[in-house]
Amino acid sequence: MNPKFWKDKKVLVTGGKGFLGSYIMEMLKDFDVETFGSNEHDLILLEECKKVVQNKDIIIHLAAEVGGIGYNRENPARLFYDNMMMGVQLIHESYKAKVSKFIAIGTICAYPKHTPVPFKEDYLWNGYPEETNAPYGLAKKMMLVQSQAYRRQYGFNSIFLLPVNLYGPRDNFNPKSSHVIPAIIKKMVDAKRSKSDKVNVWGTGKASREFLYVEDCAKAIILATEKYNKSKPVNIGAGFEITIKDLVEKIKNIVGFEGKLEWDSSKPDGQPRRMLDTSRANEEFGFKSETSFDDGLKKTVEWYEENY
């Protein structure tokens, strides 16, 4: 990372108090940079978007309405509208305000349901996303379309990054909206504490996922902000996959829960497989994930045990 790049810049991090945003804000504090969060602003409203982008040099747009499979199934309209309005208005108002660079954070949910593994960025338009993720994934993917259009017509420097599923300390452990790793950690730790003899898990366990430690993702976004200025989307990931069954067993062992697992196959698995080709991020701005999955999981479990 290059502190000189950030010198005297004014940087807005939307969602700066969120999970990923909090890590980026901490990293930027090490540089000579003025940072702004957006948590007190409702970015679904045009007037609020106009306000927050004024006199900013760089905008890193992380703010999103997001949740796990259950939340996605219950809130498709909200996920589509809120994410679409935030992205469209922020990019447009940033262009009008002469912001020098906009970093749009997309989602792996934008990929087609049946994407060959590993997912290459060129596969993004080869089909429709997995149904429970589609409203969210497509709303976020529109930032890629807008980003490329504004670069072509206006020369606006906007880039689009596609992080894989994140995990780590400070994650969202609310069972109504959490993703798979925090949801399973909570279930296992709570079951162990209550001396329960079983844990119920959604799906069949056959689906696979890739996970990236949150600090690694924050570093990737900072590197891309410093070094990447092209219209092609870029995957941000760790480049491995694990089945949900193996993931659950791994967390069970770390937590030390000795009861049995009950798989509820009436609940959806979501997308069958997920793993990214991460070569473009390495080639374009030298990013490669550093945190081993076992180490990252242990840190996340320890954080949950200490804080809940």
Protein backbone atom coordinates (compact mmCIF):
# COMPACT_ATOMS: atom_id res chain seq x y z
CA MET A 1 0.00 0.00 0.00
CA ASN A 2 1.16 3.52 -0.84
CA PRO A 3 0.58 6.27 1.77
CA LYS A 4 1.67 8.96 -0.74
CA PHE A 5 -1.35 8.19 -2.92
CA TRP A 6 -3.72 9.16 -0.09
CA LYS A 7 -1.94 12.33 1.05
CA ASP A 8 -4.36 15.25 1.53
CA LYS A 9 -7.25 13.38 -0.12
CA LYS A 10 -10.84 13.50 1.11
CA VAL A 11 -12.33 10.02 1.06
CA LEU A 12 -15.97 9.05 1.60
CA VAL A 13 -16.56 5.44 2.66
CA THR A 14 -20.28 4.69 2.45
CA GLY A 15 -21.15 2.10 5.07
CA GLY A 16 -18.00 3.12 6.93
CA LYS A 17 -19.35 1.86 10.26
CA GLY A 18 -20.34 -1.49 8.79
CA PHE A 19 -18.45 -4.78 8.82
CA LEU A 20 -16.04 -4.22 5.92
CA GLY A 21 -16.21 -0.43 6.16
CA SER A 22 -14.87 -0.35 9.70
CA TYR A 23 -11.67 -2.12 8.57
CA ILE A 24 -11.16 0.22 5.63
CA MET A 25 -11.67 3.28 7.84
CA GLU A 26 -9.06 1.92 10.29
CA MET A 27 -6.53 1.32 7.51
CA LEU A 28 -7.06 4.80 6.08
CA LYS A 29 -6.33 6.33 9.50
CA ASP A 30 -2.70 5.27 9.00
CA PHE A 31 -2.49 7.58 5.97
CA ASP A 32 -2.58 11.39 5.74
CA VAL A 33 -6.18 11.38 4.58
CA GLU A 34 -9.48 12.91 5.66
CA THR A 35 -12.16 10.21 5.90
CA PHE A 36 -15.93 10.57 5.98
CA GLY A 37 -18.59 7.96 6.76
CA SER A 38 -22.16 8.05 5.51
CA ASN A 39 -24.07 6.17 8.18
CA GLU A 40 -26.12 9.20 9.23
CA HIS A 41 -27.30 9.72 5.62
CA ASP A 42 -30.11 7.82 3.87
CA LEU A 43 -28.45 7.18 0.52
CA ILE A 44 -31.70 5.97 -1.04
CA LEU A 45 -32.65 9.68 -1.15
CA LEU A 46 -31.24 11.76 -4.01
CA GLU A 47 -30.69 14.87 -1.89
CA GLU A 48 -28.60 12.90 0.61
CA CYS A 49 -26.45 11.48 -2.21
CA LYS A 50 -25.87 15.00 -3.54
CA LYS A 51 -24.73 16.15 -0.09
CA VAL A 52 -22.27 13.39 0.73
CA VAL A 53 -20.30 13.51 -2.55
CA GLN A 54 -19.53 17.24 -2.47
CA ASN A 55 -15.81 18.13 -2.25
CA LYS A 56 -14.68 14.51 -2.11
CA ASP A 57 -11.72 13.10 -4.05
CA ILE A 58 -12.49 9.38 -3.70
CA ILE A 59 -15.68 7.51 -2.93
CA ILE A 60 -15.62 3.86 -1.82
CA HIS A 61 -19.22 2.65 -1.99
CA LEU A 62 -19.74 -0.23 0.44
CA ALA A 63 -23.19 0.61 1.80
CA ALA A 64 -25.73 -2.07 0.93
CA GLU A 65 -28.97 -3.65 2.01
CA VAL A 66 -27.84 -7.26 2.39
CA GLY A 67 -28.50 -10.53 4.21
CA GLY A 68 -28.38 -14.31 4.00
CA ILE A 69 -30.65 -16.67 2.04
CA GLY A 70 -33.61 -16.33 4.45
CA TYR A 71 -33.46 -12.53 4.38
CA ASN A 72 -33.13 -12.55 0.58
CA ARG A 73 -36.25 -14.70 0.21
CA GLU A 74 -38.32 -12.42 2.44
CA ASN A 75 -37.12 -9.03 1.11
CA PRO A 76 -36.52 -9.25 -2.67
CA ALA A 77 -38.15 -5.90 -3.49
CA ARG A 78 -36.34 -4.03 -0.74
CA LEU A 79 -33.00 -5.56 -1.74
CA PHE A 80 -33.51 -4.58 -5.36
CA TYR A 81 -34.80 -1.04 -4.80
CA ASP A 82 -32.48 0.08 -2.01
CA ASN A 83 -29.29 -1.19 -3.65
CA MET A 84 -30.26 0.06 -7.10
CA MET A 85 -31.13 3.57 -5.90
CA MET A 86 -27.99 3.94 -3.81
CA GLY A 87 -25.68 2.86 -6.63
CA VAL A 88 -27.30 4.75 -9.51
CA GLN A 89 -27.60 8.04 -7.63
CA LEU A 90 -24.17 7.94 -6.00
CA ILE A 91 -22.33 7.29 -9.26
CA HIS A 92 -24.28 9.98 -11.10
CA GLU A 93 -23.87 12.60 -8.38
CA SER A 94 -20.16 11.73 -8.00
CA TYR A 95 -19.67 12.34 -11.71
CA LYS A 96 -21.51 15.68 -11.46
CA ALA A 97 -19.45 16.67 -8.39
CA LYS A 98 -16.19 15.90 -10.26
CA VAL A 99 -15.10 13.18 -7.83
CA SER A 100 -11.76 11.89 -9.14
CA LYS A 101 -12.41 8.17 -8.48
CA PHE A 102 -15.39 5.99 -7.56
CA ILE A 103 -14.93 2.44 -6.26
CA ALA A 104 -18.14 0.44 -6.70
CA ILE A 105 -18.34 -2.73 -4.59
CA GLY A 106 -20.43 -5.41 -6.24
CA THR A 107 -21.19 -8.95 -5.14
CA ILE A 108 -20.54 -12.54 -6.15
CA CYS A 109 -24.35 -12.90 -6.19
CA ALA A 110 -24.23 -11.12 -9.57
CA TYR A 111 -22.86 -14.26 -11.26
CA PRO A 112 -25.19 -16.65 -13.14
CA LYS A 113 -26.59 -19.55 -11.10
CA HIS A 114 -24.69 -22.17 -13.09
CA THR A 115 -21.28 -20.58 -13.60
CA PRO A 116 -18.28 -22.81 -14.39
CA VAL A 117 -15.83 -22.94 -11.47
CA PRO A 118 -13.65 -20.97 -11.01
CA PHE A 119 -15.82 -17.92 -11.86
CA LYS A 120 -14.04 -15.69 -14.37
CA GLU A 121 -15.14 -12.08 -14.74
CA ASP A 122 -15.97 -12.77 -18.40
CA TYR A 123 -18.76 -15.15 -17.26
CA LEU A 124 -20.78 -12.40 -15.55
CA TRP A 125 -23.33 -12.07 -18.37
CA ASN A 126 -23.70 -15.75 -19.27
CA GLY A 127 -27.01 -16.32 -17.44
CA TYR A 128 -29.45 -15.33 -14.70
CA PRO A 129 -28.32 -15.31 -11.03
CA GLU A 130 -29.52 -17.86 -8.47
CA GLU A 131 -33.16 -16.91 -7.79
CA THR A 132 -32.92 -16.02 -4.09
CA ASN A 133 -29.92 -13.74 -4.80
CA ALA A 134 -31.07 -12.26 -8.12
CA PRO A 135 -32.76 -8.98 -6.99
CA TYR A 136 -29.73 -8.07 -4.86
CA GLY A 137 -27.13 -9.33 -7.34
CA LEU A 138 -28.66 -7.62 -10.37
CA ALA A 139 -29.14 -4.30 -8.56
CA LYS A 140 -25.45 -4.31 -7.64
CA LYS A 141 -24.41 -5.44 -11.13
CA MET A 142 -26.07 -2.35 -12.62
CA MET A 143 -23.22 -0.36 -11.06
CA LEU A 144 -20.88 -2.17 -13.47
CA VAL A 145 -23.03 -1.15 -16.44
CA GLN A 146 -23.22 2.43 -15.18
CA SER A 147 -19.53 2.53 -14.32
CA GLN A 148 -18.51 1.43 -17.81
CA ALA A 149 -21.04 3.77 -19.49
CA TYR A 150 -19.85 6.82 -17.53
CA ARG A 151 -16.21 6.00 -18.28
CA ARG A 152 -17.00 5.69 -22.00
CA GLN A 153 -19.11 8.83 -22.31
CA TYR A 154 -17.68 11.11 -19.64
CA GLY A 155 -14.21 9.72 -18.88
CA PHE A 156 -15.35 9.19 -15.29
CA ASN A 157 -12.89 7.02 -13.35
CA SER A 158 -15.10 4.38 -11.76
CA ILE A 159 -14.05 0.78 -11.06
CA PHE A 160 -16.10 -2.28 -10.11
CA LEU A 161 -14.93 -4.96 -7.66
CA LEU A 162 -16.63 -8.30 -6.92
CA PRO A 163 -15.80 -9.58 -3.43
CA VAL A 164 -16.60 -13.16 -2.51
CA ASN A 165 -18.41 -13.97 0.78
CA LEU A 166 -16.61 -12.22 3.65
CA TYR A 167 -16.17 -13.30 7.26
CA GLY A 168 -14.26 -12.23 10.35
CA PRO A 169 -14.55 -10.42 13.70
CA ARG A 170 -17.35 -7.79 13.86
CA ASP A 171 -19.47 -9.71 11.34
CA ASN A 172 -23.28 -9.58 11.56
CA PHE A 173 -24.41 -12.37 13.91
CA ASN A 174 -28.12 -11.50 13.81
CA PRO A 175 -29.82 -14.80 12.81
CA LYS A 176 -32.47 -12.92 10.78
CA SER A 177 -29.95 -11.40 8.36
CA SER A 178 -26.52 -13.03 8.89
CA HIS A 179 -24.55 -14.98 6.30
CA VAL A 180 -23.55 -18.61 6.66
CA ILE A 181 -20.32 -18.40 8.74
CA PRO A 182 -21.61 -16.08 11.50
CA ALA A 183 -24.96 -17.92 11.51
CA ILE A 184 -23.26 -21.29 12.09
CA ILE A 185 -20.80 -19.90 14.66
CA LYS A 186 -23.70 -18.44 16.65
CA LYS A 187 -25.64 -21.72 16.50
CA MET A 188 -22.65 -23.80 17.60
CA VAL A 189 -21.49 -21.52 20.42
CA ASP A 190 -25.04 -20.99 21.71
CA ALA A 191 -25.73 -24.76 21.59
CA LYS A 192 -22.52 -25.52 23.48
CA ARG A 193 -23.32 -22.91 26.15
CA SER A 194 -26.89 -24.18 26.60
CA LYS A 195 -25.66 -27.81 26.61
CA SER A 196 -27.94 -28.64 23.68
CA ASP A 197 -27.36 -32.02 22.01
CA LYS A 198 -28.08 -30.90 18.43
CA VAL A 199 -27.82 -28.04 15.94
CA ASN A 200 -30.17 -27.53 12.99
CA VAL A 201 -28.47 -26.49 9.72
CA TRP A 202 -30.15 -25.25 6.53
CA GLY A 203 -29.88 -27.16 3.25
CA THR A 204 -28.13 -30.37 2.30
CA GLY A 205 -24.54 -29.27 2.91
CA LYS A 206 -23.60 -30.11 -0.68
CA ALA A 207 -23.27 -26.53 -1.97
CA SER A 208 -19.76 -25.06 -1.97
CA ARG A 209 -18.61 -21.56 -1.10
CA GLU A 210 -15.46 -19.48 -1.06
CA PHE A 211 -14.72 -17.15 1.84
CA LEU A 212 -12.37 -14.18 2.21
CA TYR A 213 -11.17 -12.79 5.52
CA VAL A 214 -12.49 -9.26 5.95
CA GLU A 215 -9.08 -7.60 6.51
CA ASP A 216 -7.76 -9.16 3.31
CA CYS A 217 -10.72 -7.69 1.42
CA ALA A 218 -10.10 -4.24 2.91
CA LYS A 219 -6.48 -4.41 1.71
CA ALA A 220 -7.64 -5.45 -1.76
CA ILE A 221 -9.99 -2.45 -2.01
CA ILE A 222 -7.25 -0.05 -0.91
CA LEU A 223 -4.80 -1.55 -3.44
CA ALA A 224 -7.38 -1.32 -6.23
CA THR A 225 -8.12 2.30 -5.30
CA GLU A 226 -4.42 3.11 -5.58
CA LYS A 227 -3.54 1.14 -8.70
CA TYR A 228 -6.53 0.08 -10.82
CA ASN A 229 -8.14 2.45 -13.34
CA LYS A 230 -9.88 0.25 -15.93
CA SER A 231 -13.47 -0.60 -16.80
CA LYS A 232 -13.23 -4.39 -16.52
CA PRO A 233 -14.72 -5.89 -13.32
CA VAL A 234 -12.32 -7.57 -10.88
CA ASN A 235 -12.95 -10.54 -8.59
CA ILE A 236 -11.72 -10.23 -5.00
CA GLY A 237 -11.35 -13.62 -3.31
CA ALA A 238 -9.17 -16.26 -1.74
CA GLY A 239 -9.30 -18.74 -4.64
CA PHE A 240 -10.56 -21.87 -2.83
CA GLU A 241 -13.90 -23.56 -2.21
CA ILE A 242 -15.31 -25.63 0.64
CA THR A 243 -18.64 -27.46 0.91
CA ILE A 244 -21.09 -26.19 3.51
CA LYS A 245 -20.93 -29.65 5.14
CA ASP A 246 -17.14 -29.39 5.58
CA LEU A 247 -17.46 -25.79 6.73
CA VAL A 248 -19.98 -26.74 9.42
CA GLU A 249 -17.75 -29.60 10.63
CA LYS A 250 -14.78 -27.23 10.77
CA ILE A 251 -16.66 -24.67 12.88
CA LYS A 252 -18.07 -27.46 15.08
CA ASN A 253 -14.51 -28.62 15.84
CA ILE A 254 -13.17 -25.11 16.52
CA VAL A 255 -16.07 -24.34 18.88
CA GLY A 256 -15.84 -27.76 20.54
CA PHE A 257 -19.54 -28.57 20.15
CA GLU A 258 -20.04 -32.32 20.63
CA GLY A 259 -23.72 -32.71 19.71
CA LYS A 260 -25.17 -33.89 16.41
CA LEU A 261 -26.06 -31.97 13.26
CA GLU A 262 -29.55 -32.05 11.77
CA TRP A 263 -29.68 -30.96 8.11
CA ASP A 264 -32.97 -29.38 6.99
CA SER A 265 -33.09 -30.22 3.28
CA SER A 266 -36.43 -28.39 2.91
CA LYS A 267 -34.41 -25.16 3.08
CA PRO A 268 -32.57 -23.94 -0.06
CA ASP A 269 -28.85 -24.47 -0.69
CA GLY A 270 -28.60 -21.32 -2.82
CA GLN A 271 -26.12 -21.30 -5.69
CA PRO A 272 -24.63 -24.82 -6.19
CA ARG A 273 -20.95 -23.80 -6.28
CA ARG A 274 -18.94 -20.64 -5.78
CA MET A 275 -15.25 -20.04 -6.30
CA LEU A 276 -13.57 -17.13 -8.02
CA ASP A 277 -10.72 -16.89 -10.46
CA THR A 278 -8.62 -14.24 -8.68
CA SER A 279 -5.84 -13.88 -11.24
CA ARG A 280 -6.95 -10.45 -12.53
CA ALA A 281 -6.65 -8.86 -9.07
CA ASN A 282 -3.16 -10.28 -8.71
CA GLU A 283 -2.07 -9.14 -12.17
CA GLU A 284 -3.63 -5.67 -12.05
CA PHE A 285 -2.86 -4.53 -8.51
CA GLY A 286 -0.89 -7.28 -6.80
CA PHE A 287 -3.57 -8.60 -4.48
CA LYS A 288 -3.41 -12.09 -3.02
CA SER A 289 -5.22 -13.14 0.17
CA GLU A 290 -2.91 -13.76 3.12
CA THR A 291 -5.07 -15.13 5.96
CA SER A 292 -5.46 -18.91 6.13
CA PHE A 293 -9.07 -20.06 6.43
CA ASP A 294 -8.46 -21.95 9.68
CA ASP A 295 -6.78 -18.94 11.29
CA GLY A 296 -9.54 -16.61 10.14
CA LEU A 297 -12.27 -18.90 11.48
CA LYS A 298 -10.54 -19.21 14.87
CA LYS A 299 -10.28 -15.41 15.17
CA THR A 300 -13.96 -15.04 14.26
CA VAL A 301 -15.11 -17.67 16.76
CA GLU A 302 -12.97 -16.12 19.50
CA TRP A 303 -14.40 -12.67 18.75
CA TYR A 304 -17.98 -13.97 18.96
CA GLU A 305 -17.29 -15.81 22.22
CA GLU A 306 -15.79 -12.67 23.77
CA ASN A 307 -18.43 -10.23 22.53
CA TYR A 308 -21.71 -12.17 22.82
